[in-house]
Protein backbone atom coordinates (compact mmCIF):
# COMPACT_ATOMS: atom_id res chain seq x y z
CA MET A 1 67.22 115.82 116.67
CA PRO A 2 69.58 117.42 114.56
CA SER A 3 71.15 115.79 111.39
CA PRO A 4 74.40 114.15 111.94
CA LEU A 5 77.56 115.35 109.68
CA ILE A 6 78.16 111.80 108.63
CA SER A 7 75.81 108.87 107.62
CA VAL A 8 77.57 105.22 107.44
CA VAL A 9 75.54 103.09 105.31
CA ILE A 10 76.73 99.34 105.52
CA PRO A 11 74.76 96.40 103.56
CA ALA A 12 74.63 93.55 106.14
CA TYR A 13 76.30 90.97 104.15
CA ASP A 14 78.70 89.04 106.28
CA GLN A 15 80.14 85.72 104.47
CA GLN A 16 83.46 86.04 106.57
CA LYS A 17 81.83 87.04 109.98
CA GLN A 18 83.64 90.51 110.12
CA LEU A 19 80.44 92.53 110.60
CA ALA A 20 80.98 92.97 114.35
CA ASP A 21 84.24 94.43 113.72
CA CYS A 22 83.38 96.92 111.44
CA LEU A 23 80.76 98.05 113.58
CA ASP A 24 83.12 97.70 116.90
CA SER A 25 85.78 100.34 114.65
CA LEU A 26 82.89 102.79 114.03
CA LEU A 27 81.62 102.82 117.64
CA ALA A 28 85.16 103.34 118.97
CA GLN A 29 85.39 106.93 117.08
CA SER A 30 86.19 109.61 119.15
CA PHE A 31 84.32 111.95 116.59
CA ARG A 32 80.54 111.22 117.69
CA ASP A 33 78.57 113.21 115.36
CA PHE A 34 77.41 110.60 112.95
CA GLU A 35 74.90 107.60 112.54
CA VAL A 36 75.35 103.88 111.10
CA LEU A 37 72.57 102.53 108.91
CA VAL A 38 72.55 98.76 108.40
CA VAL A 39 70.70 97.48 106.01
CA ALA A 40 69.77 93.82 106.08
CA ASP A 41 67.69 91.90 103.49
CA ARG A 42 66.28 88.34 103.42
CA SER A 43 69.57 86.94 102.30
CA PRO A 44 71.33 84.01 104.37
CA ASP A 45 74.69 86.05 104.65
CA CYS A 46 72.72 88.76 106.52
CA PRO A 47 73.06 88.12 110.22
CA ALA A 48 69.69 89.89 111.47
CA GLN A 49 70.11 88.85 115.49
CA LEU A 50 73.64 90.48 114.97
CA VAL A 51 72.54 93.90 113.68
CA GLU A 52 69.51 94.15 115.86
CA ARG A 53 71.84 93.61 119.10
CA TYR A 54 73.87 96.24 117.90
CA ALA A 55 71.06 98.59 117.31
CA ALA A 56 69.25 97.89 120.78
CA ARG A 57 72.70 98.57 122.46
CA HIS A 58 73.78 101.52 120.61
CA PRO A 59 71.67 104.62 119.84
CA GLN A 60 73.73 105.56 116.74
CA VAL A 61 72.92 102.28 114.87
CA SER A 62 69.66 101.66 113.28
CA VAL A 63 68.38 98.66 111.11
CA LEU A 64 66.62 98.78 107.83
CA GLN A 65 65.17 95.45 107.14
CA LEU A 66 64.05 94.64 103.38
CA ASP A 67 61.68 92.07 102.35
CA ALA A 68 63.79 90.35 99.60
CA ALA A 69 67.22 89.35 99.08
CA VAL A 70 68.31 92.23 96.90
CA GLY A 71 71.94 92.34 96.53
CA VAL A 72 74.66 95.28 97.76
CA GLY A 73 73.67 97.94 95.60
CA VAL A 74 69.89 98.36 96.26
CA ALA A 75 70.75 97.75 100.02
CA ARG A 76 73.00 100.71 99.78
CA ASN A 77 70.44 102.86 97.79
CA ALA A 78 67.74 102.11 100.21
CA GLY A 79 70.10 103.29 103.07
CA ALA A 80 71.01 106.35 101.50
CA ALA A 81 67.52 107.12 101.15
CA ARG A 82 66.99 106.56 104.73
CA ALA A 83 70.00 108.47 105.67
CA ARG A 84 69.83 111.80 107.54
CA GLY A 85 73.80 112.80 107.31
CA GLU A 86 75.24 115.84 105.45
CA TYR A 87 77.64 113.61 104.10
CA LEU A 88 77.38 109.74 103.03
CA LEU A 89 80.04 107.14 103.90
CA PHE A 90 79.36 103.66 102.32
CA LEU A 91 81.15 100.65 103.95
CA ASP A 92 81.12 96.83 103.81
CA ALA A 93 81.26 94.13 106.46
CA ASP A 94 84.71 93.54 105.61
CA HIS A 95 86.22 97.01 106.29
CA LEU A 96 87.91 98.48 109.34
CA LEU A 97 87.67 102.32 110.09
CA ALA A 98 90.83 104.14 111.66
CA ARG A 99 90.00 104.95 115.03
CA ASP A 100 90.42 108.60 114.18
CA ALA A 101 88.90 108.61 110.66
CA LEU A 102 85.82 110.38 111.16
CA GLY A 103 87.42 113.11 113.16
CA SER A 104 90.08 113.66 110.44
CA PHE A 105 87.27 114.09 107.91
CA ALA A 106 85.16 116.48 109.86
CA ASP A 107 88.65 118.59 110.57
CA HIS A 108 89.51 118.20 107.03
CA LEU A 109 86.13 119.80 105.91
CA GLU A 110 86.18 122.29 108.30
CA ARG A 111 89.43 123.45 106.45
CA THR A 112 87.96 123.25 102.89
CA GLY A 113 84.26 123.94 103.40
CA PRO A 114 81.26 122.06 102.01
CA VAL A 115 82.73 119.84 99.02
CA ASP A 116 80.87 117.25 96.77
CA LEU A 117 83.39 114.61 97.28
CA LEU A 118 86.29 114.03 99.85
CA LEU A 119 88.84 111.55 98.54
CA PHE A 120 90.68 109.16 101.15
CA GLY A 121 93.01 106.66 100.89
CA HIS A 122 93.06 102.62 102.05
CA THR A 123 94.70 99.53 103.01
CA ARG A 124 94.29 95.96 102.06
CA GLN A 125 95.05 93.42 104.74
CA HIS A 126 96.44 90.12 102.98
CA ALA A 127 98.32 87.28 104.20
CA GLY A 128 99.05 89.03 107.62
CA ARG A 129 100.34 92.42 106.07
CA ASP A 130 99.09 95.68 104.87
CA TRP A 131 99.42 96.76 101.24
CA PRO A 132 98.76 100.27 99.87
CA GLY A 133 95.42 100.74 98.37
CA GLY A 134 96.43 101.44 94.79
CA ALA A 135 95.61 105.44 94.55
CA GLU A 136 98.32 106.72 97.27
CA THR A 137 100.60 108.32 94.84
CA LEU A 138 97.66 110.01 93.14
CA LEU A 139 95.96 111.03 96.18
CA ALA A 140 99.48 112.73 97.65
CA GLU A 141 100.05 114.36 94.64
CA ALA A 142 96.39 116.24 94.32
CA GLY A 143 97.40 118.69 97.19
CA PRO A 144 95.15 120.63 99.73
CA GLU A 145 93.28 122.83 97.52
CA VAL A 146 89.65 122.18 96.25
CA PHE A 147 89.32 121.18 92.67
CA GLY A 148 87.17 119.75 90.16
CA PRO A 149 87.36 116.61 87.78
CA ALA A 150 89.03 118.53 84.99
CA ASP A 151 91.68 120.21 86.88
CA ARG A 152 92.75 116.56 88.25
CA PRO A 153 91.81 114.12 85.52
CA GLU A 154 94.32 111.28 86.66
CA LEU A 155 92.32 110.58 89.67
CA LEU A 156 89.87 109.06 87.21
CA GLY A 157 92.35 106.71 86.55
CA ALA A 158 92.25 105.35 90.48
CA PRO A 159 90.15 102.14 91.28
CA PRO A 160 86.39 103.12 90.99
CA LEU A 161 85.43 102.46 94.76
CA ILE A 162 82.78 103.97 96.72
CA TRP A 163 84.32 103.31 100.20
CA ASP A 164 87.26 105.58 100.03
CA ARG A 165 85.18 108.85 99.80
CA LEU A 166 82.63 110.69 101.47
CA VAL A 167 79.71 111.82 99.27
CA ARG A 168 77.97 114.77 99.92
CA HIS A 169 73.97 113.96 100.31
CA GLU A 170 73.21 117.04 98.34
CA HIS A 171 75.25 116.17 95.73
CA TRP A 172 73.88 112.32 95.82
CA ARG A 173 70.37 113.76 95.49
CA GLY A 174 71.08 116.48 93.17
CA GLN A 175 72.57 114.00 90.67
CA ALA A 176 69.81 111.13 91.70
CA LEU A 177 72.87 109.01 92.14
CA ALA A 178 71.86 105.31 92.71
CA PHE A 179 73.90 101.87 92.36
CA PRO A 180 72.52 100.10 89.42
CA GLU A 181 71.63 96.05 89.31
CA GLY A 182 74.51 93.82 88.86
CA ARG A 183 78.27 93.40 90.23
CA TYR A 184 80.58 96.20 90.05
CA GLU A 185 77.78 98.47 90.68
CA GLU A 186 80.22 101.00 92.29
CA ILE A 187 81.67 101.96 88.64
CA PRO A 188 79.20 104.30 87.37
CA VAL A 189 78.18 105.93 90.63
CA VAL A 190 81.61 106.63 91.40
CA HIS A 191 82.28 107.96 88.11
CA ARG A 192 79.07 109.92 87.78
CA ALA A 193 79.74 111.39 91.25
CA MET A 194 83.46 112.56 90.33
CA LEU A 195 82.24 113.88 87.00
CA THR A 196 79.49 115.84 88.02
CA ALA A 197 81.10 117.40 91.49
CA ARG A 198 82.13 120.77 91.38
CA ARG A 199 84.25 120.81 94.81
CA ILE A 200 86.45 117.73 95.25
CA ALA A 201 89.16 117.59 98.05
CA VAL A 202 91.53 114.92 98.91
CA LEU A 203 92.51 113.80 102.48
CA PRO A 204 96.18 112.22 101.53
CA ARG A 205 96.08 109.28 104.40
CA ALA A 206 94.38 105.97 104.70
CA CYS A 207 91.22 105.78 106.73
CA VAL A 208 89.69 102.26 105.72
CA GLN A 209 91.20 98.88 105.97
CA LEU A 210 89.87 96.00 103.51
CA ARG A 211 89.90 92.47 105.11
CA ARG A 212 88.42 90.86 102.23
CA ARG A 213 89.43 87.14 102.56
CA GLU A 214 87.98 86.15 99.02
CA THR A 215 89.05 87.61 95.73
CA VAL A 216 85.53 87.49 94.12
CA HIS A 217 83.47 90.32 94.01
CA PRO A 218 80.82 90.27 97.07
CA THR A 219 76.94 89.69 96.89
CA GLY A 220 75.69 91.55 93.62
CA SER A 221 71.85 91.37 92.72
CA PRO A 222 70.51 87.95 91.98
CA GLY A 223 71.42 86.72 89.01
CA SER A 224 74.43 88.99 88.63
CA SER A 225 77.92 87.87 87.36
CA SER A 226 81.46 89.03 86.27
CA PHE A 227 79.95 90.08 82.92
CA ASP A 228 78.19 92.80 84.65
CA LEU A 229 81.64 94.52 84.42
CA PHE A 230 80.95 95.41 80.87
CA ASP A 231 77.58 96.95 81.33
CA GLN A 232 78.94 99.09 84.52
CA TYR A 233 81.53 100.84 82.18
CA GLU A 234 78.94 101.06 79.27
CA ARG A 235 77.15 103.19 81.51
CA THR A 236 80.43 105.34 82.51
CA PHE A 237 81.19 105.88 78.64
CA ALA A 238 77.51 107.00 77.71
CA LEU A 239 77.88 109.54 80.44
CA LEU A 240 81.16 110.81 78.94
CA ASP A 241 79.00 111.49 75.89
CA GLU A 242 76.63 113.12 77.53
CA LEU A 243 78.87 115.60 79.31
CA ASP A 244 81.52 117.96 78.13
CA VAL A 245 84.93 116.27 79.52
CA PRO A 246 88.50 117.13 78.31
CA GLY A 247 90.28 114.35 76.46
CA ALA A 248 92.56 113.71 79.38
CA VAL A 249 89.60 112.54 81.41
CA ARG A 250 88.50 110.09 78.90
CA ASP A 251 92.08 108.71 78.47
CA ALA A 252 92.03 108.30 82.26
CA LEU A 253 88.69 106.42 82.21
CA PHE A 254 89.85 104.37 79.27
CA THR A 255 93.08 103.03 80.77
CA ARG A 256 91.38 102.31 83.93
CA MET A 257 88.81 100.40 82.35
CA ILE A 258 91.17 97.99 80.37
CA ARG A 259 93.28 97.81 83.58
CA HIS A 260 89.94 96.60 85.34
CA TYR A 261 89.39 94.28 82.75
CA LEU A 262 92.87 92.58 82.66
CA PHE A 263 92.68 92.40 86.46
CA VAL A 264 89.46 90.37 86.74
CA PHE A 265 90.37 88.26 83.60
CA ASP A 266 93.62 87.43 85.54
CA LEU A 267 91.86 87.17 89.35
CA ALA A 268 91.40 83.61 90.13
CA GLY A 269 87.67 82.59 90.67
CA CYS A 270 86.33 85.52 88.54
CA VAL A 271 85.91 84.24 85.07
CA ALA A 272 85.32 80.59 84.52
CA ARG A 273 87.52 78.92 82.15
CA ALA A 274 84.91 77.99 79.65
CA GLU A 275 83.96 81.85 79.81
CA ARG A 276 87.20 83.37 79.49
CA PRO A 277 87.22 83.81 75.34
CA GLN A 278 83.90 85.35 75.61
CA PHE A 279 84.93 87.95 78.38
CA PHE A 280 88.14 88.34 76.64
CA HIS A 281 86.40 89.29 73.24
CA ARG A 282 83.98 91.58 75.04
CA ALA A 283 86.99 93.27 76.57
CA ALA A 284 88.49 93.67 73.15
CA GLU A 285 85.55 95.26 71.75
CA HIS A 286 85.25 97.98 74.28
CA HIS A 287 88.94 98.51 73.68
CA ARG A 288 88.01 99.26 70.08
CA ARG A 289 84.98 101.09 70.46
CA PHE A 290 86.24 103.56 73.83
CA GLN A 291 89.69 103.93 72.65
CA PRO A 292 90.20 107.87 72.65
CA PRO A 293 92.11 109.87 69.98
CA GLY A 294 95.87 109.87 70.68
CA HIS A 295 95.71 107.09 73.39
CA ARG A 296 99.21 105.73 74.63
CA ARG A 297 99.21 102.63 76.17
CA PRO A 298 101.28 101.88 79.09
CA GLY A 299 104.78 100.57 78.88
CA GLY A 300 106.11 97.23 79.83
CA ARG A 301 104.22 93.79 80.11
CA GLU A 302 101.06 95.55 81.00
CA GLY A 303 101.30 97.65 77.45
CA VAL A 304 102.12 94.32 75.75
CA LYS A 305 98.57 93.08 77.34
CA PHE A 306 97.00 96.25 76.09
CA SER A 307 98.08 95.28 72.94
CA LEU A 308 96.90 91.86 72.47
CA LEU A 309 93.94 92.84 73.85
CA ALA A 310 93.36 95.64 71.22
CA GLY A 311 94.22 92.96 68.51
CA GLY A 312 91.32 90.63 70.08
CA ALA A 313 94.46 88.19 70.23
CA TYR A 314 93.18 85.40 72.68
CA PRO A 315 95.24 82.96 71.81
CA ALA A 316 98.19 84.81 71.81
CA PHE A 317 97.08 86.21 75.03
CA GLU A 318 97.06 82.99 76.79
CA VAL A 319 100.32 82.08 75.46
CA ALA A 320 102.12 84.95 76.65
CA LYS A 321 100.33 84.49 80.03
CA LEU A 322 101.98 81.04 80.40
CA SER A 323 105.03 81.73 79.28
CA HIS A 324 105.42 84.66 81.83
CA ILE A 325 104.20 82.20 84.62
CA ALA A 326 106.78 79.58 83.34
CA ALA A 327 109.48 82.21 83.23
CA GLY A 328 108.59 83.03 87.06
CA THR A 329 108.70 79.67 87.98
CA LEU A 330 112.12 78.70 86.46
CA THR A 331 113.45 81.99 87.82
CA GLY A 332 112.24 81.07 91.34
CA ALA A 333 113.44 77.63 90.92
CA SER A 334 117.06 79.11 90.07
CA ARG A 335 116.87 81.24 92.99
CA ARG A 336 116.24 78.48 95.40
CA ARG A 337 119.26 76.65 93.99
């Protein structure tokens, strides 16, 4: 049997009962040169009967059963090792693929020739609305030409998501890419894949919709926590020390890192109240250690947050946040009156 163009790897964690919709969106594709590998471990969130039914009915779907509860990263690694496709696409149960997405990937690759990475956009569904994924402007400005990471360092400032890009299987193997233990396991993998790629292309349209109903990160490996975020960025910056990268690349990754820390710190349900001072000071230490020479902070309120974090001013940061919330409440009340 010839190898398919695309292998889709899906860890079968289905906390919100959305895996069937994800699989249906794949099986409805007009493009058919793909396989789906669903990786199920011993977690109670993995619906073994559901995935077995899909595999029995659809030849393109196969199930890889693991003997322990291992988490998203290890499950993805196992699926990638079993995949036969020229390109890897990693999805989660709460993703929907646009009906013509795989065909659009194939058409774009025919125009560009083989690339190590093909980046594309996504949307997020929340409160009955679709919201842009955060990198649309960067993708639109990238242009149709194939490029290397040093040519478009600003793309390293986009959220490090593994499911808004195709990774050439040869690149995956050649760089020995693998998801580490813990939460936020995508970060070092996405950054290594980007920084070591020779040929990158962009498809400037949204192809995946995220329908995550919870704000917290999906299942990590056993024992994982929000503090794993710091370990993952440690891996990224250790890689920068190994590679000869322009200052603009380091600056883009530094800004992305601080934005990520501030986002997680502010996101309800991510950092427990008792752990907030420790999380803040870990982030401040990384700000001091990894800030590149000549870095310019963002403007506006975000720049104020960067400054407070740089100074390790946790009480001032919390006061500023409460003041902002109070100002917003007063403004809203005034408008209602």
